[in-house]
Amino acid sequence: MTKSTQHIKEINVEEIQKLISDGTLKQWGRYPHIMFVEGVDKARIIWDDRKKVVMHKFVSSIADTEQRKKFARVYNSLNASINKQNKK
């Protein structure tokens, strides 16, 4: 079992696990609850285990329009499936 696989189990959110497995998200080794979208500079997706929500950080730092669109697609899909589900 790899280190990132162990962290996936700790997060235990199917949507996040799938994106890590297919390479869309990369976990930060030091802080596995912080993830980067592959091909996007600086911005991060953060899993808050206490609140059971995803958040984003440093999105305004994305200068490239295509990177911003890619980040938005990934984050918005997680937001819709995780955050909105937990508000019900």
C-alpha atoms as a PDB file:
ATOM      1  CA  MET A   1       0.000   0.000   0.000  1.00  0.00           C
ATOM      2  CA  THR A   2       1.469   3.345  -0.986  1.00  0.00           C
ATOM      3  CA  LYS A   3       1.575   6.392   1.215  1.00  0.00           C
ATOM      4  CA  SER A   4      -1.032   8.221  -0.882  1.00  0.00           C
ATOM      5  CA  THR A   5      -3.352   5.205  -0.766  1.00  0.00           C
ATOM      6  CA  GLN A   6      -3.219   5.329   3.017  1.00  0.00           C
ATOM      7  CA  HIS A   7      -4.172   9.012   2.928  1.00  0.00           C
ATOM      8  CA  ILE A   8      -7.031   8.295   0.551  1.00  0.00           C
ATOM      9  CA  LYS A   9      -8.485   5.924   3.128  1.00  0.00           C
ATOM     10  CA  GLU A  10      -8.089   8.574   5.806  1.00  0.00           C
ATOM     11  CA  ILE A  11     -10.037  11.088   3.719  1.00  0.00           C
ATOM     12  CA  ASN A  12     -12.531   8.336   2.826  1.00  0.00           C
ATOM     13  CA  VAL A  13     -14.506  10.349   0.287  1.00  0.00           C
ATOM     14  CA  GLU A  14     -15.264   8.398  -2.875  1.00  0.00           C
ATOM     15  CA  GLU A  15     -15.246  11.433  -5.167  1.00  0.00           C
ATOM     16  CA  ILE A  16     -11.811  12.546  -3.948  1.00  0.00           C
ATOM     17  CA  GLN A  17     -10.413   8.996  -4.053  1.00  0.00           C
ATOM     18  CA  LYS A  18     -11.452   8.638  -7.686  1.00  0.00           C
ATOM     19  CA  LEU A  19      -9.775  11.911  -8.723  1.00  0.00           C
ATOM     20  CA  ILE A  20      -6.554  10.981  -6.909  1.00  0.00           C
ATOM     21  CA  SER A  21      -6.547   7.518  -8.479  1.00  0.00           C
ATOM     22  CA  ASP A  22      -7.000   8.842 -12.009  1.00  0.00           C
ATOM     23  CA  GLY A  23      -4.309  11.504 -11.527  1.00  0.00           C
ATOM     24  CA  THR A  24      -6.583  14.558 -11.619  1.00  0.00           C
ATOM     25  CA  LEU A  25      -5.679  15.434  -8.017  1.00  0.00           C
ATOM     26  CA  LYS A  26      -2.290  15.144  -6.320  1.00  0.00           C
ATOM     27  CA  GLN A  27      -2.055  15.093  -2.550  1.00  0.00           C
ATOM     28  CA  TRP A  28       0.590  17.172  -0.819  1.00  0.00           C
ATOM     29  CA  GLY A  29       2.766  14.627   0.980  1.00  0.00           C
ATOM     30  CA  ARG A  30       3.266  16.803   4.034  1.00  0.00           C
ATOM     31  CA  TYR A  31      -0.420  17.774   4.339  1.00  0.00           C
ATOM     32  CA  PRO A  32      -2.497  15.057   2.658  1.00  0.00           C
ATOM     33  CA  HIS A  33      -5.753  16.973   3.167  1.00  0.00           C
ATOM     34  CA  ILE A  34      -4.416  19.565   0.687  1.00  0.00           C
ATOM     35  CA  MET A  35      -4.575  18.617  -2.979  1.00  0.00           C
ATOM     36  CA  PHE A  36      -3.494  20.169  -6.249  1.00  0.00           C
ATOM     37  CA  VAL A  37      -5.257  19.845  -9.599  1.00  0.00           C
ATOM     38  CA  GLU A  38      -2.844  18.333 -12.118  1.00  0.00           C
ATOM     39  CA  GLY A  39      -1.695  20.987 -14.594  1.00  0.00           C
ATOM     40  CA  VAL A  40      -2.861  23.935 -12.482  1.00  0.00           C
ATOM     41  CA  ASP A  41      -0.361  26.203 -10.719  1.00  0.00           C
ATOM     42  CA  LYS A  42      -0.706  27.398  -7.114  1.00  0.00           C
ATOM     43  CA  ALA A  43      -4.412  26.822  -6.350  1.00  0.00           C
ATOM     44  CA  ARG A  44      -5.355  24.114  -3.871  1.00  0.00           C
ATOM     45  CA  ILE A  45      -8.383  22.063  -2.919  1.00  0.00           C
ATOM     46  CA  ILE A  46      -8.598  21.421   0.807  1.00  0.00           C
ATOM     47  CA  TRP A  47     -10.555  18.664   2.542  1.00  0.00           C
ATOM     48  CA  ASP A  48     -11.812  19.694   5.992  1.00  0.00           C
ATOM     49  CA  ASP A  49     -12.401  16.406   7.784  1.00  0.00           C
ATOM     50  CA  ARG A  50     -14.074  18.035  10.779  1.00  0.00           C
ATOM     51  CA  LYS A  51     -16.698  19.846   8.686  1.00  0.00           C
ATOM     52  CA  LYS A  52     -16.713  17.208   5.898  1.00  0.00           C
ATOM     53  CA  VAL A  53     -16.424  19.841   3.144  1.00  0.00           C
ATOM     54  CA  VAL A  54     -14.020  20.788   0.360  1.00  0.00           C
ATOM     55  CA  MET A  55     -12.699  24.317   0.103  1.00  0.00           C
ATOM     56  CA  HIS A  56     -10.315  26.101  -2.218  1.00  0.00           C
ATOM     57  CA  LYS A  57      -7.386  28.421  -1.671  1.00  0.00           C
ATOM     58  CA  PHE A  58      -5.242  30.686  -3.880  1.00  0.00           C
ATOM     59  CA  VAL A  59      -7.633  30.526  -6.846  1.00  0.00           C
ATOM     60  CA  SER A  60      -7.018  34.207  -7.555  1.00  0.00           C
ATOM     61  CA  SER A  61      -3.353  33.292  -8.175  1.00  0.00           C
ATOM     62  CA  ILE A  62      -4.259  31.327 -11.321  1.00  0.00           C
ATOM     63  CA  ALA A  63      -3.232  33.620 -14.185  1.00  0.00           C
ATOM     64  CA  ASP A  64      -3.912  31.249 -17.097  1.00  0.00           C
ATOM     65  CA  THR A  65      -7.530  31.091 -18.291  1.00  0.00           C
ATOM     66  CA  GLU A  66      -7.370  27.395 -19.236  1.00  0.00           C
ATOM     67  CA  GLN A  67      -5.903  26.475 -15.851  1.00  0.00           C
ATOM     68  CA  ARG A  68      -8.632  28.492 -14.128  1.00  0.00           C
ATOM     69  CA  LYS A  69     -11.314  26.645 -16.134  1.00  0.00           C
ATOM     70  CA  LYS A  70      -9.762  23.267 -15.335  1.00  0.00           C
ATOM     71  CA  PHE A  71      -9.561  24.067 -11.618  1.00  0.00           C
ATOM     72  CA  ALA A  72     -13.157  25.341 -11.621  1.00  0.00           C
ATOM     73  CA  ARG A  73     -14.436  22.151 -13.297  1.00  0.00           C
ATOM     74  CA  VAL A  74     -12.740  19.917 -10.725  1.00  0.00           C
ATOM     75  CA  TYR A  75     -13.619  22.035  -7.690  1.00  0.00           C
ATOM     76  CA  ASN A  76     -17.207  22.697  -8.762  1.00  0.00           C
ATOM     77  CA  SER A  77     -17.860  18.997  -9.305  1.00  0.00           C
ATOM     78  CA  LEU A  78     -16.517  18.189  -5.817  1.00  0.00           C
ATOM     79  CA  ASN A  79     -18.450  21.082  -4.321  1.00  0.00           C
ATOM     80  CA  ALA A  80     -21.680  19.882  -5.928  1.00  0.00           C
ATOM     81  CA  SER A  81     -21.252  16.254  -4.901  1.00  0.00           C
ATOM     82  CA  ILE A  82     -19.738  16.688  -1.417  1.00  0.00           C
ATOM     83  CA  ASN A  83     -20.638  20.069   0.040  1.00  0.00           C
ATOM     84  CA  LYS A  84     -24.201  20.253  -1.229  1.00  0.00           C
ATOM     85  CA  GLN A  85     -24.807  16.642  -0.225  1.00  0.00           C
ATOM     86  CA  ASN A  86     -23.656  17.380   3.338  1.00  0.00           C
ATOM     87  CA  LYS A  87     -25.975  20.399   3.654  1.00  0.00           C
ATOM     88  CA  LYS A  88     -29.092  18.241   3.204  1.00  0.00           C
END
